[in-house]
Amino acid sequence: MTKKLHLESMIMGVVLALIVAGGVFFVIREQAEIPTREVNHNLKRYEEGSLQHVAETLIQYQRESAYKTELEEVWGIALGERGIYVCGKGGMELYSLGGEKLFSVSSDKTMRYIGFNASGELMVCEGNGIAIYDVQGNVLRRLENSSWGLLNAVVQSGDFLYIADRSSRLIWKCDATGKVIATMGGIVDGATHNFVIPGPYMDLSLDPNGNLVTSNPGRHQVNTYTLEGKLQQSFGQPSFKHTGFCGCCNPVALTVLKNGNVVTTEKGISRVKILNPQGEFVGMVAAPIDFRANKHAYVVDLVEGDDGKIYMIDNGTQEILIYKKKDPDHV
């Protein structure tokens, strides 16, 4: 009986070895047959038709500088008269446009968004509340509401705050004290445009016409609402092509440029691209090759400066990235 089991084990081992060897041979043969070509001065070799490759003619910006933050995680970025504010796990920091750290504020809460209200104060999303800081980093007051979940972004228009809540999957319209006036993004149009938020990202921005432009990552969409909550349009579709959004849940973040174009960021295939107000592809700010040194890197927030540059934060490297146009009239 023992000899029989031993013989069966030997036969099984030989069969498994042959299967593994055959698999290795198949992979080597297949890899040898994949056509490759050199791109970007031999920095990387891409397969023909690679999802990572972007034609140089489509890239309209170039990296000007990168500054390392001291945050454990980066989540939000804002531009003020004093410089570049960033927030994340560990608190908030202020950097000059040249990358010099000017101050920091420590916090045991993860700050997931930073931006300015109409009074020039900093609004910071901390868990299920909003902390209001002055530009020196001093807490002025806090806004709370029992209806709120985990908050990802907040903008002010007129007397109202519009708050992205990834837990409730809603945009809350509130007064300056945090009192809820209305909600947006619930069951809309037969539930084909309501928010689907599988991960930690949900973003919003104001366009030049004063409308709310929001990300809907689980649906691979960008939605635009009036300030009264009426859905004006929705664009986007699942796709690995530049014209769509890849992966399970993209875009990660967005901002609206002064000319009305929307800039979106994606993880998986890390890229930052420009779409016109109708959702048509315009070009790239940053291509996947920009993030290849760290496979976990992608942009989690961004904003346009008065200088026309785009300021971004990379959660893989915890850096502030500054991109300038290749041609001032290109976009």
C-alpha atoms as a PDB file:
ATOM      1  CA  MET A   1       0.000   0.000   0.000  1.00  0.00           C
ATOM      2  CA  THR A   2       2.835   2.379   0.947  1.00  0.00           C
ATOM      3  CA  LYS A   3       4.715   1.598  -2.283  1.00  0.00           C
ATOM      4  CA  LYS A   4       1.562   2.288  -4.311  1.00  0.00           C
ATOM      5  CA  LEU A   5       1.038   5.694  -2.665  1.00  0.00           C
ATOM      6  CA  HIS A   6       4.691   6.535  -3.178  1.00  0.00           C
ATOM      7  CA  LEU A   7       4.482   5.627  -6.866  1.00  0.00           C
ATOM      8  CA  GLU A   8       1.309   7.716  -7.306  1.00  0.00           C
ATOM      9  CA  SER A   9       3.015  10.681  -5.621  1.00  0.00           C
ATOM     10  CA  MET A  10       5.992  10.404  -7.955  1.00  0.00           C
ATOM     11  CA  ILE A  11       3.742  10.288 -11.027  1.00  0.00           C
ATOM     12  CA  MET A  12       1.788  13.308  -9.796  1.00  0.00           C
ATOM     13  CA  GLY A  13       5.031  15.209  -9.187  1.00  0.00           C
ATOM     14  CA  VAL A  14       6.262  14.485 -12.698  1.00  0.00           C
ATOM     15  CA  VAL A  15       2.930  15.619 -14.191  1.00  0.00           C
ATOM     16  CA  LEU A  16       2.998  18.878 -12.213  1.00  0.00           C
ATOM     17  CA  ALA A  17       6.608  19.522 -13.241  1.00  0.00           C
ATOM     18  CA  LEU A  18       5.694  19.052 -16.912  1.00  0.00           C
ATOM     19  CA  ILE A  19       2.734  21.439 -16.547  1.00  0.00           C
ATOM     20  CA  VAL A  20       4.914  24.131 -14.925  1.00  0.00           C
ATOM     21  CA  ALA A  21       7.641  23.722 -17.539  1.00  0.00           C
ATOM     22  CA  GLY A  22       5.099  23.971 -20.320  1.00  0.00           C
ATOM     23  CA  GLY A  23       3.620  27.092 -18.787  1.00  0.00           C
ATOM     24  CA  VAL A  24       7.016  28.752 -18.513  1.00  0.00           C
ATOM     25  CA  PHE A  25       7.799  27.889 -22.139  1.00  0.00           C
ATOM     26  CA  PHE A  26       4.443  29.319 -23.237  1.00  0.00           C
ATOM     27  CA  VAL A  27       4.971  32.604 -21.352  1.00  0.00           C
ATOM     28  CA  ILE A  28       8.505  33.010 -22.704  1.00  0.00           C
ATOM     29  CA  ARG A  29       7.318  32.333 -26.249  1.00  0.00           C
ATOM     30  CA  GLU A  30       4.401  34.748 -25.922  1.00  0.00           C
ATOM     31  CA  GLN A  31       6.620  37.488 -24.462  1.00  0.00           C
ATOM     32  CA  ALA A  32       9.108  37.010 -27.293  1.00  0.00           C
ATOM     33  CA  GLU A  33       6.333  37.571 -29.830  1.00  0.00           C
ATOM     34  CA  ILE A  34       5.079  40.844 -28.300  1.00  0.00           C
ATOM     35  CA  PRO A  35       6.228  43.754 -30.502  1.00  0.00           C
ATOM     36  CA  THR A  36       7.852  46.584 -28.555  1.00  0.00           C
ATOM     37  CA  ARG A  37       9.190  49.999 -29.406  1.00  0.00           C
ATOM     38  CA  GLU A  38      11.245  52.625 -27.662  1.00  0.00           C
ATOM     39  CA  VAL A  39       9.427  55.734 -26.410  1.00  0.00           C
ATOM     40  CA  ASN A  40      10.383  58.834 -24.468  1.00  0.00           C
ATOM     41  CA  HIS A  41      14.159  58.561 -24.873  1.00  0.00           C
ATOM     42  CA  ASN A  42      14.362  54.930 -23.757  1.00  0.00           C
ATOM     43  CA  LEU A  43      12.870  55.636 -20.322  1.00  0.00           C
ATOM     44  CA  LYS A  44      10.390  52.823 -20.822  1.00  0.00           C
ATOM     45  CA  ARG A  45       9.502  50.121 -23.313  1.00  0.00           C
ATOM     46  CA  TYR A  46       5.823  49.791 -24.121  1.00  0.00           C
ATOM     47  CA  GLU A  47       3.931  47.086 -25.915  1.00  0.00           C
ATOM     48  CA  GLU A  48       2.248  48.225 -29.094  1.00  0.00           C
ATOM     49  CA  GLY A  49      -1.208  49.390 -28.171  1.00  0.00           C
ATOM     50  CA  SER A  50      -0.223  49.479 -24.498  1.00  0.00           C
ATOM     51  CA  LEU A  51      -2.820  50.973 -22.194  1.00  0.00           C
ATOM     52  CA  GLN A  52      -0.033  52.965 -20.565  1.00  0.00           C
ATOM     53  CA  HIS A  53       1.197  54.664 -23.719  1.00  0.00           C
ATOM     54  CA  VAL A  54       0.103  58.199 -24.615  1.00  0.00           C
ATOM     55  CA  ALA A  55       1.233  59.874 -27.819  1.00  0.00           C
ATOM     56  CA  GLU A  56       3.410  62.881 -27.086  1.00  0.00           C
ATOM     57  CA  THR A  57       1.164  65.084 -29.226  1.00  0.00           C
ATOM     58  CA  LEU A  58      -1.698  64.523 -26.772  1.00  0.00           C
ATOM     59  CA  ILE A  59       0.267  65.740 -23.737  1.00  0.00           C
ATOM     60  CA  GLN A  60      -0.335  69.463 -23.333  1.00  0.00           C
ATOM     61  CA  TYR A  61       1.478  70.106 -20.033  1.00  0.00           C
ATOM     62  CA  GLN A  62       4.878  69.287 -18.584  1.00  0.00           C
ATOM     63  CA  ARG A  63       6.076  68.869 -15.020  1.00  0.00           C
ATOM     64  CA  GLU A  64       7.775  72.006 -13.765  1.00  0.00           C
ATOM     65  CA  SER A  65       8.566  70.959 -10.195  1.00  0.00           C
ATOM     66  CA  ALA A  66       7.760  68.540  -7.391  1.00  0.00           C
ATOM     67  CA  TYR A  67       7.954  69.189  -3.644  1.00  0.00           C
ATOM     68  CA  LYS A  68       7.897  66.527  -0.958  1.00  0.00           C
ATOM     69  CA  THR A  69       5.402  67.096   1.855  1.00  0.00           C
ATOM     70  CA  GLU A  70       5.814  65.740   5.378  1.00  0.00           C
ATOM     71  CA  LEU A  71       2.315  64.259   5.582  1.00  0.00           C
ATOM     72  CA  GLU A  72       1.802  60.530   6.006  1.00  0.00           C
ATOM     73  CA  GLU A  73      -0.971  60.674   3.391  1.00  0.00           C
ATOM     74  CA  VAL A  74      -2.016  63.561   1.154  1.00  0.00           C
ATOM     75  CA  TRP A  75      -5.680  64.240   0.423  1.00  0.00           C
ATOM     76  CA  GLY A  76      -6.309  67.882  -0.450  1.00  0.00           C
ATOM     77  CA  ILE A  77      -4.665  70.939  -1.993  1.00  0.00           C
ATOM     78  CA  ALA A  78      -5.628  74.620  -2.163  1.00  0.00           C
ATOM     79  CA  LEU A  79      -3.906  77.765  -3.400  1.00  0.00           C
ATOM     80  CA  GLY A  80      -3.925  80.975  -1.398  1.00  0.00           C
ATOM     81  CA  GLU A  81      -2.084  84.275  -1.299  1.00  0.00           C
ATOM     82  CA  ARG A  82       0.447  82.781   1.099  1.00  0.00           C
ATOM     83  CA  GLY A  83       1.165  79.704  -1.002  1.00  0.00           C
ATOM     84  CA  ILE A  84       0.125  76.072  -1.360  1.00  0.00           C
ATOM     85  CA  TYR A  85      -1.973  74.499   1.389  1.00  0.00           C
ATOM     86  CA  VAL A  86      -2.037  70.694   1.603  1.00  0.00           C
ATOM     87  CA  CYS A  87      -3.837  68.430   4.040  1.00  0.00           C
ATOM     88  CA  GLY A  88      -4.075  64.744   4.806  1.00  0.00           C
ATOM     89  CA  LYS A  89      -3.250  62.232   7.491  1.00  0.00           C
ATOM     90  CA  GLY A  90      -1.345  64.095  10.165  1.00  0.00           C
ATOM     91  CA  GLY A  91      -2.763  67.561   9.586  1.00  0.00           C
ATOM     92  CA  MET A  92      -2.204  70.547   7.315  1.00  0.00           C
ATOM     93  CA  GLU A  93       0.895  72.192   5.839  1.00  0.00           C
ATOM     94  CA  LEU A  94       1.626  75.419   3.967  1.00  0.00           C
ATOM     95  CA  TYR A  95       4.367  75.679   1.345  1.00  0.00           C
ATOM     96  CA  SER A  96       5.627  78.607  -0.659  1.00  0.00           C
ATOM     97  CA  LEU A  97       5.385  78.407  -4.446  1.00  0.00           C
ATOM     98  CA  GLY A  98       9.082  77.568  -4.345  1.00  0.00           C
ATOM     99  CA  GLY A  99       8.554  74.569  -2.061  1.00  0.00           C
ATOM    100  CA  GLU A 100       9.621  76.061   1.285  1.00  0.00           C
ATOM    101  CA  LYS A 101       7.570  74.805   4.220  1.00  0.00           C
ATOM    102  CA  LEU A 102       6.034  77.773   6.033  1.00  0.00           C
ATOM    103  CA  PHE A 103       3.985  76.105   8.760  1.00  0.00           C
ATOM    104  CA  SER A 104       2.188  72.940   9.765  1.00  0.00           C
ATOM    105  CA  VAL A 105      -0.833  72.101  11.906  1.00  0.00           C
ATOM    106  CA  SER A 106      -0.966  68.671  13.520  1.00  0.00           C
ATOM    107  CA  SER A 107      -4.214  66.733  13.823  1.00  0.00           C
ATOM    108  CA  ASP A 108      -5.164  63.240  14.958  1.00  0.00           C
ATOM    109  CA  LYS A 109      -7.902  63.290  12.311  1.00  0.00           C
ATOM    110  CA  THR A 110      -7.387  62.729   8.605  1.00  0.00           C
ATOM    111  CA  MET A 111      -8.124  65.958   6.734  1.00  0.00           C
ATOM    112  CA  ARG A 112      -9.662  64.917   3.421  1.00  0.00           C
ATOM    113  CA  TYR A 113     -10.234  68.283   1.780  1.00  0.00           C
ATOM    114  CA  ILE A 114      -9.040  71.862   2.028  1.00  0.00           C
ATOM    115  CA  GLY A 115     -10.440  74.917   0.243  1.00  0.00           C
ATOM    116  CA  PHE A 116     -11.526  78.500   0.781  1.00  0.00           C
ATOM    117  CA  ASN A 117     -14.933  79.933   1.662  1.00  0.00           C
ATOM    118  CA  ALA A 118     -16.265  83.316   0.564  1.00  0.00           C
ATOM    119  CA  SER A 119     -14.590  85.015   3.531  1.00  0.00           C
ATOM    120  CA  GLY A 120     -11.140  83.695   2.647  1.00  0.00           C
ATOM    121  CA  GLU A 121     -11.145  81.178   5.494  1.00  0.00           C
ATOM    122  CA  LEU A 122     -10.004  77.587   5.056  1.00  0.00           C
ATOM    123  CA  MET A 123     -12.669  74.885   5.064  1.00  0.00           C
ATOM    124  CA  VAL A 124     -11.275  71.470   6.016  1.00  0.00           C
ATOM    125  CA  CYS A 125     -13.233  68.205   5.923  1.00  0.00           C
ATOM    126  CA  GLU A 126     -12.399  66.162   9.035  1.00  0.00           C
ATOM    127  CA  GLY A 127     -14.383  62.938   9.329  1.00  0.00           C
ATOM    128  CA  ASN A 128     -18.074  63.830   9.510  1.00  0.00           C
ATOM    129  CA  GLY A 129     -17.490  67.521  10.215  1.00  0.00           C
ATOM    130  CA  ILE A 130     -15.979  70.664   8.730  1.00  0.00           C
ATOM    131  CA  ALA A 131     -13.372  72.722  10.569  1.00  0.00           C
ATOM    132  CA  ILE A 132     -12.924  76.391   9.661  1.00  0.00           C
ATOM    133  CA  TYR A 133      -9.366  77.720   9.973  1.00  0.00           C
ATOM    134  CA  ASP A 134      -7.808  81.098   9.376  1.00  0.00           C
ATOM    135  CA  VAL A 135      -4.920  81.268   6.905  1.00  0.00           C
ATOM    136  CA  GLN A 136      -2.417  80.984   9.763  1.00  0.00           C
ATOM    137  CA  GLY A 137      -3.845  77.587  10.711  1.00  0.00           C
ATOM    138  CA  ASN A 138      -5.873  78.579  13.776  1.00  0.00           C
ATOM    139  CA  VAL A 139      -9.254  76.875  14.294  1.00  0.00           C
ATOM    140  CA  LEU A 140     -12.105  79.384  14.220  1.00  0.00           C
ATOM    141  CA  ARG A 141     -15.157  77.120  14.490  1.00  0.00           C
ATOM    142  CA  ARG A 142     -16.532  73.729  13.521  1.00  0.00           C
ATOM    143  CA  LEU A 143     -19.623  72.745  11.558  1.00  0.00           C
ATOM    144  CA  GLU A 144     -21.422  69.504  12.358  1.00  0.00           C
ATOM    145  CA  ASN A 145     -24.655  67.819  11.380  1.00  0.00           C
ATOM    146  CA  SER A 146     -25.953  64.428  12.535  1.00  0.00           C
ATOM    147  CA  SER A 147     -26.995  63.613   8.952  1.00  0.00           C
ATOM    148  CA  TRP A 148     -23.485  63.880   7.566  1.00  0.00           C
ATOM    149  CA  GLY A 149     -21.253  60.871   6.994  1.00  0.00           C
ATOM    150  CA  LEU A 150     -17.617  60.925   5.829  1.00  0.00           C
ATOM    151  CA  LEU A 151     -17.100  64.226   4.015  1.00  0.00           C
ATOM    152  CA  ASN A 152     -14.781  64.485   1.023  1.00  0.00           C
ATOM    153  CA  ALA A 153     -15.176  68.026  -0.330  1.00  0.00           C
ATOM    154  CA  VAL A 154     -16.996  71.309   0.221  1.00  0.00           C
ATOM    155  CA  VAL A 155     -17.413  74.460  -1.886  1.00  0.00           C
ATOM    156  CA  GLN A 156     -19.295  77.678  -1.218  1.00  0.00           C
ATOM    157  CA  SER A 157     -21.504  79.556  -3.668  1.00  0.00           C
ATOM    158  CA  GLY A 158     -23.412  82.563  -2.387  1.00  0.00           C
ATOM    159  CA  ASP A 159     -24.730  81.878   1.079  1.00  0.00           C
ATOM    160  CA  PHE A 160     -24.693  78.091   0.726  1.00  0.00           C
ATOM    161  CA  LEU A 161     -22.222  75.267   1.199  1.00  0.00           C
ATOM    162  CA  TYR A 162     -22.257  72.219  -1.073  1.00  0.00           C
ATOM    163  CA  ILE A 163     -20.748  69.172   0.610  1.00  0.00           C
ATOM    164  CA  ALA A 164     -19.722  65.836  -0.946  1.00  0.00           C
ATOM    165  CA  ASP A 165     -20.559  62.987   1.448  1.00  0.00           C
ATOM    166  CA  ARG A 166     -19.169  59.649   0.326  1.00  0.00           C
ATOM    167  CA  SER A 167     -20.972  57.686   3.062  1.00  0.00           C
ATOM    168  CA  SER A 168     -24.442  59.019   2.275  1.00  0.00           C
ATOM    169  CA  ARG A 169     -23.612  59.227  -1.456  1.00  0.00           C
ATOM    170  CA  LEU A 170     -25.153  62.678  -1.603  1.00  0.00           C
ATOM    171  CA  ILE A 171     -24.291  66.310  -2.103  1.00  0.00           C
ATOM    172  CA  TRP A 172     -25.647  68.266   0.865  1.00  0.00           C
ATOM    173  CA  LYS A 173     -26.770  71.853   0.270  1.00  0.00           C
ATOM    174  CA  CYS A 174     -26.414  73.628   3.623  1.00  0.00           C
ATOM    175  CA  ASP A 175     -26.443  77.115   5.039  1.00  0.00           C
ATOM    176  CA  ALA A 176     -23.341  78.622   6.643  1.00  0.00           C
ATOM    177  CA  THR A 177     -24.116  76.917   9.968  1.00  0.00           C
ATOM    178  CA  GLY A 178     -24.402  73.426   8.455  1.00  0.00           C
ATOM    179  CA  LYS A 179     -28.196  73.244   8.426  1.00  0.00           C
ATOM    180  CA  VAL A 180     -29.363  71.040   5.521  1.00  0.00           C
ATOM    181  CA  ILE A 181     -31.417  72.872   2.895  1.00  0.00           C
ATOM    182  CA  ALA A 182     -31.561  70.198   0.179  1.00  0.00           C
ATOM    183  CA  THR A 183     -29.782  67.114  -1.191  1.00  0.00           C
ATOM    184  CA  MET A 184     -28.501  66.252  -4.667  1.00  0.00           C
ATOM    185  CA  GLY A 185     -27.605  62.999  -6.359  1.00  0.00           C
ATOM    186  CA  GLY A 186     -30.192  60.677  -4.903  1.00  0.00           C
ATOM    187  CA  ILE A 187     -32.564  58.648  -7.061  1.00  0.00           C
ATOM    188  CA  VAL A 188     -32.392  60.614 -10.303  1.00  0.00           C
ATOM    189  CA  ASP A 189     -33.587  59.702 -13.786  1.00  0.00           C
ATOM    190  CA  GLY A 190     -34.590  56.153 -12.935  1.00  0.00           C
ATOM    191  CA  ALA A 191     -31.492  55.737 -10.705  1.00  0.00           C
ATOM    192  CA  THR A 192     -29.111  55.889 -13.669  1.00  0.00           C
ATOM    193  CA  HIS A 193     -27.219  58.924 -12.369  1.00  0.00           C
ATOM    194  CA  ASN A 194     -27.393  58.575  -8.591  1.00  0.00           C
ATOM    195  CA  PHE A 195     -23.995  58.479  -6.898  1.00  0.00           C
ATOM    196  CA  VAL A 196     -22.177  55.145  -6.682  1.00  0.00           C
ATOM    197  CA  ILE A 197     -19.106  55.494  -4.453  1.00  0.00           C
ATOM    198  CA  PRO A 198     -17.285  52.136  -4.032  1.00  0.00           C
ATOM    199  CA  GLY A 199     -14.085  53.691  -2.659  1.00  0.00           C
ATOM    200  CA  PRO A 200     -12.868  56.679  -0.652  1.00  0.00           C
ATOM    201  CA  TYR A 201     -13.088  59.322  -3.390  1.00  0.00           C
ATOM    202  CA  MET A 202     -15.849  61.790  -4.248  1.00  0.00           C
ATOM    203  CA  ASP A 203     -15.176  65.296  -5.506  1.00  0.00           C
ATOM    204  CA  LEU A 204     -16.908  68.477  -6.631  1.00  0.00           C
ATOM    205  CA  SER A 205     -16.033  71.805  -8.192  1.00  0.00           C
ATOM    206  CA  LEU A 206     -17.779  74.923  -9.501  1.00  0.00           C
ATOM    207  CA  ASP A 207     -17.756  75.718 -13.222  1.00  0.00           C
ATOM    208  CA  PRO A 208     -17.557  79.275 -14.660  1.00  0.00           C
ATOM    209  CA  ASN A 209     -21.376  79.376 -14.883  1.00  0.00           C
ATOM    210  CA  GLY A 210     -21.737  78.620 -11.178  1.00  0.00           C
ATOM    211  CA  ASN A 211     -22.908  75.024 -11.608  1.00  0.00           C
ATOM    212  CA  LEU A 212     -21.676  72.085  -9.535  1.00  0.00           C
ATOM    213  CA  VAL A 213     -19.486  69.587 -11.373  1.00  0.00           C
ATOM    214  CA  THR A 214     -19.155  66.325  -9.445  1.00  0.00           C
ATOM    215  CA  SER A 215     -17.408  62.992  -9.804  1.00  0.00           C
ATOM    216  CA  ASN A 216     -19.465  59.786  -9.793  1.00  0.00           C
ATOM    217  CA  PRO A 217     -16.673  57.194  -9.770  1.00  0.00           C
ATOM    218  CA  GLY A 218     -18.743  54.009  -9.492  1.00  0.00           C
ATOM    219  CA  ARG A 219     -20.577  55.007 -12.666  1.00  0.00           C
ATOM    220  CA  HIS A 220     -17.428  56.327 -14.401  1.00  0.00           C
ATOM    221  CA  GLN A 221     -19.210  59.633 -14.834  1.00  0.00           C
ATOM    222  CA  VAL A 222     -18.952  63.354 -14.283  1.00  0.00           C
ATOM    223  CA  ASN A 223     -22.274  64.970 -13.352  1.00  0.00           C
ATOM    224  CA  THR A 224     -23.251  68.636 -13.536  1.00  0.00           C
ATOM    225  CA  TYR A 225     -26.004  70.090 -11.335  1.00  0.00           C
ATOM    226  CA  THR A 226     -27.550  73.493 -10.994  1.00  0.00           C
ATOM    227  CA  LEU A 227     -27.284  74.982  -7.521  1.00  0.00           C
ATOM    228  CA  GLU A 228     -30.935  74.005  -7.063  1.00  0.00           C
ATOM    229  CA  GLY A 229     -30.036  70.361  -7.580  1.00  0.00           C
ATOM    230  CA  LYS A 230     -31.258  69.777 -11.126  1.00  0.00           C
ATOM    231  CA  LEU A 231     -29.086  67.358 -13.098  1.00  0.00           C
ATOM    232  CA  GLN A 232     -28.002  69.202 -16.224  1.00  0.00           C
ATOM    233  CA  GLN A 233     -25.795  66.628 -17.863  1.00  0.00           C
ATOM    234  CA  SER A 234     -23.709  63.543 -17.259  1.00  0.00           C
ATOM    235  CA  PHE A 235     -20.805  62.252 -19.306  1.00  0.00           C
ATOM    236  CA  GLY A 236     -18.316  59.411 -19.081  1.00  0.00           C
ATOM    237  CA  GLN A 237     -18.192  55.668 -19.650  1.00  0.00           C
ATOM    238  CA  PRO A 238     -16.074  52.693 -18.557  1.00  0.00           C
ATOM    239  CA  SER A 239     -13.134  52.440 -20.935  1.00  0.00           C
ATOM    240  CA  PHE A 240      -9.362  51.947 -20.932  1.00  0.00           C
ATOM    241  CA  LYS A 241      -9.143  54.457 -23.781  1.00  0.00           C
ATOM    242  CA  HIS A 242      -8.239  58.078 -23.091  1.00  0.00           C
ATOM    243  CA  THR A 243     -11.825  59.062 -23.800  1.00  0.00           C
ATOM    244  CA  GLY A 244     -13.247  57.012 -20.899  1.00  0.00           C
ATOM    245  CA  PHE A 245     -12.552  56.133 -17.277  1.00  0.00           C
ATOM    246  CA  CYS A 246     -10.762  52.896 -16.448  1.00  0.00           C
ATOM    247  CA  GLY A 247     -10.965  50.498 -13.533  1.00  0.00           C
ATOM    248  CA  CYS A 248     -13.686  49.970 -10.964  1.00  0.00           C
ATOM    249  CA  CYS A 249     -14.172  53.537  -9.802  1.00  0.00           C
ATOM    250  CA  ASN A 250     -12.873  56.630 -11.585  1.00  0.00           C
ATOM    251  CA  PRO A 251     -12.435  59.570 -11.764  1.00  0.00           C
ATOM    252  CA  VAL A 252     -10.734  59.998  -8.393  1.00  0.00           C
ATOM    253  CA  ALA A 253     -10.772  63.804  -8.435  1.00  0.00           C
ATOM    254  CA  LEU A 254     -11.604  66.700 -10.720  1.00  0.00           C
ATOM    255  CA  THR A 255     -11.405  70.447 -11.096  1.00  0.00           C
ATOM    256  CA  VAL A 256     -12.914  72.855 -13.600  1.00  0.00           C
ATOM    257  CA  LEU A 257     -10.570  75.236 -15.408  1.00  0.00           C
ATOM    258  CA  LYS A 258     -11.354  78.890 -16.018  1.00  0.00           C
ATOM    259  CA  ASN A 259     -12.173  78.086 -19.655  1.00  0.00           C
ATOM    260  CA  GLY A 260     -14.786  75.512 -18.587  1.00  0.00           C
ATOM    261  CA  ASN A 261     -12.771  72.401 -19.391  1.00  0.00           C
ATOM    262  CA  VAL A 262     -12.796  69.656 -16.771  1.00  0.00           C
ATOM    263  CA  VAL A 263      -9.555  68.050 -15.588  1.00  0.00           C
ATOM    264  CA  THR A 264      -9.964  64.566 -14.110  1.00  0.00           C
ATOM    265  CA  THR A 265      -7.563  62.170 -12.396  1.00  0.00           C
ATOM    266  CA  GLU A 266      -7.574  58.363 -12.448  1.00  0.00           C
ATOM    267  CA  LYS A 267      -5.973  55.535 -10.528  1.00  0.00           C
ATOM    268  CA  GLY A 268      -5.144  52.119 -11.964  1.00  0.00           C
ATOM    269  CA  ILE A 269      -3.871  53.639 -15.166  1.00  0.00           C
ATOM    270  CA  SER A 270      -2.582  56.794 -13.486  1.00  0.00           C
ATOM    271  CA  ARG A 271      -3.365  59.769 -15.685  1.00  0.00           C
ATOM    272  CA  VAL A 272      -4.637  63.336 -15.554  1.00  0.00           C
ATOM    273  CA  LYS A 273      -6.650  64.392 -18.584  1.00  0.00           C
ATOM    274  CA  ILE A 274      -8.644  67.316 -19.941  1.00  0.00           C
ATOM    275  CA  LEU A 275     -12.231  67.030 -21.173  1.00  0.00           C
ATOM    276  CA  ASN A 276     -14.351  69.782 -22.630  1.00  0.00           C
ATOM    277  CA  PRO A 277     -17.691  70.676 -20.947  1.00  0.00           C
ATOM    278  CA  GLN A 278     -19.444  68.077 -23.128  1.00  0.00           C
ATOM    279  CA  GLY A 279     -17.037  65.335 -22.023  1.00  0.00           C
ATOM    280  CA  GLU A 280     -14.994  65.145 -25.221  1.00  0.00           C
ATOM    281  CA  PHE A 281     -11.311  64.349 -24.804  1.00  0.00           C
ATOM    282  CA  VAL A 282      -9.049  67.390 -25.244  1.00  0.00           C
ATOM    283  CA  GLY A 283      -5.626  66.198 -24.100  1.00  0.00           C
ATOM    284  CA  MET A 284      -3.439  65.079 -21.210  1.00  0.00           C
ATOM    285  CA  VAL A 285      -1.942  67.021 -18.342  1.00  0.00           C
ATOM    286  CA  ALA A 286       0.050  64.039 -17.053  1.00  0.00           C
ATOM    287  CA  ALA A 287       0.442  60.623 -18.679  1.00  0.00           C
ATOM    288  CA  PRO A 288       1.030  57.279 -16.921  1.00  0.00           C
ATOM    289  CA  ILE A 289       4.769  57.513 -17.567  1.00  0.00           C
ATOM    290  CA  ASP A 290       4.881  60.447 -15.130  1.00  0.00           C
ATOM    291  CA  PHE A 291       3.984  58.089 -12.300  1.00  0.00           C
ATOM    292  CA  ARG A 292       5.919  54.980 -13.310  1.00  0.00           C
ATOM    293  CA  ALA A 293       8.616  55.401 -10.631  1.00  0.00           C
ATOM    294  CA  ASN A 294       6.025  54.491  -7.987  1.00  0.00           C
ATOM    295  CA  LYS A 295       3.336  52.013  -9.029  1.00  0.00           C
ATOM    296  CA  HIS A 296       1.063  53.200  -6.201  1.00  0.00           C
ATOM    297  CA  ALA A 297       1.183  56.843  -7.331  1.00  0.00           C
ATOM    298  CA  TYR A 298      -1.768  58.784  -8.681  1.00  0.00           C
ATOM    299  CA  VAL A 299      -3.195  62.257  -8.217  1.00  0.00           C
ATOM    300  CA  VAL A 300      -5.858  62.592  -5.512  1.00  0.00           C
ATOM    301  CA  ASP A 301      -6.567  66.340  -5.756  1.00  0.00           C
ATOM    302  CA  LEU A 302      -5.733  69.235  -8.023  1.00  0.00           C
ATOM    303  CA  VAL A 303      -6.445  72.903  -8.653  1.00  0.00           C
ATOM    304  CA  GLU A 304      -5.686  75.480 -11.347  1.00  0.00           C
ATOM    305  CA  GLY A 305      -3.604  78.500 -10.365  1.00  0.00           C
ATOM    306  CA  ASP A 306      -4.056  82.071 -11.548  1.00  0.00           C
ATOM    307  CA  ASP A 307      -0.815  81.490 -13.477  1.00  0.00           C
ATOM    308  CA  GLY A 308      -2.521  78.799 -15.583  1.00  0.00           C
ATOM    309  CA  LYS A 309      -0.465  76.046 -13.972  1.00  0.00           C
ATOM    310  CA  ILE A 310      -2.087  72.959 -12.475  1.00  0.00           C
ATOM    311  CA  TYR A 311      -1.132  72.076  -8.902  1.00  0.00           C
ATOM    312  CA  MET A 312      -1.638  68.458  -7.849  1.00  0.00           C
ATOM    313  CA  ILE A 313      -0.840  66.057  -5.027  1.00  0.00           C
ATOM    314  CA  ASP A 314       0.396  62.498  -5.512  1.00  0.00           C
ATOM    315  CA  ASN A 315      -0.652  59.988  -2.851  1.00  0.00           C
ATOM    316  CA  GLY A 316       2.105  57.522  -3.768  1.00  0.00           C
ATOM    317  CA  THR A 317       4.977  59.925  -3.179  1.00  0.00           C
ATOM    318  CA  GLN A 318       3.185  62.480  -0.911  1.00  0.00           C
ATOM    319  CA  GLU A 319       4.403  65.214  -3.271  1.00  0.00           C
ATOM    320  CA  ILE A 320       3.068  68.485  -4.586  1.00  0.00           C
ATOM    321  CA  LEU A 321       3.345  68.409  -8.394  1.00  0.00           C
ATOM    322  CA  ILE A 322       3.275  71.561 -10.512  1.00  0.00           C
ATOM    323  CA  TYR A 323       2.546  71.330 -14.231  1.00  0.00           C
ATOM    324  CA  LYS A 324       2.752  74.153 -16.747  1.00  0.00           C
ATOM    325  CA  LYS A 325       1.431  74.350 -20.296  1.00  0.00           C
ATOM    326  CA  LYS A 326       3.810  73.445 -23.071  1.00  0.00           C
ATOM    327  CA  ASP A 327       2.207  76.154 -25.163  1.00  0.00           C
ATOM    328  CA  PRO A 328       0.220  78.955 -23.456  1.00  0.00           C
ATOM    329  CA  ASP A 329      -2.360  78.871 -26.258  1.00  0.00           C
ATOM    330  CA  HIS A 330      -2.534  75.088 -26.468  1.00  0.00           C
ATOM    331  CA  VAL A 331      -5.555  74.555 -24.191  1.00  0.00           C
END
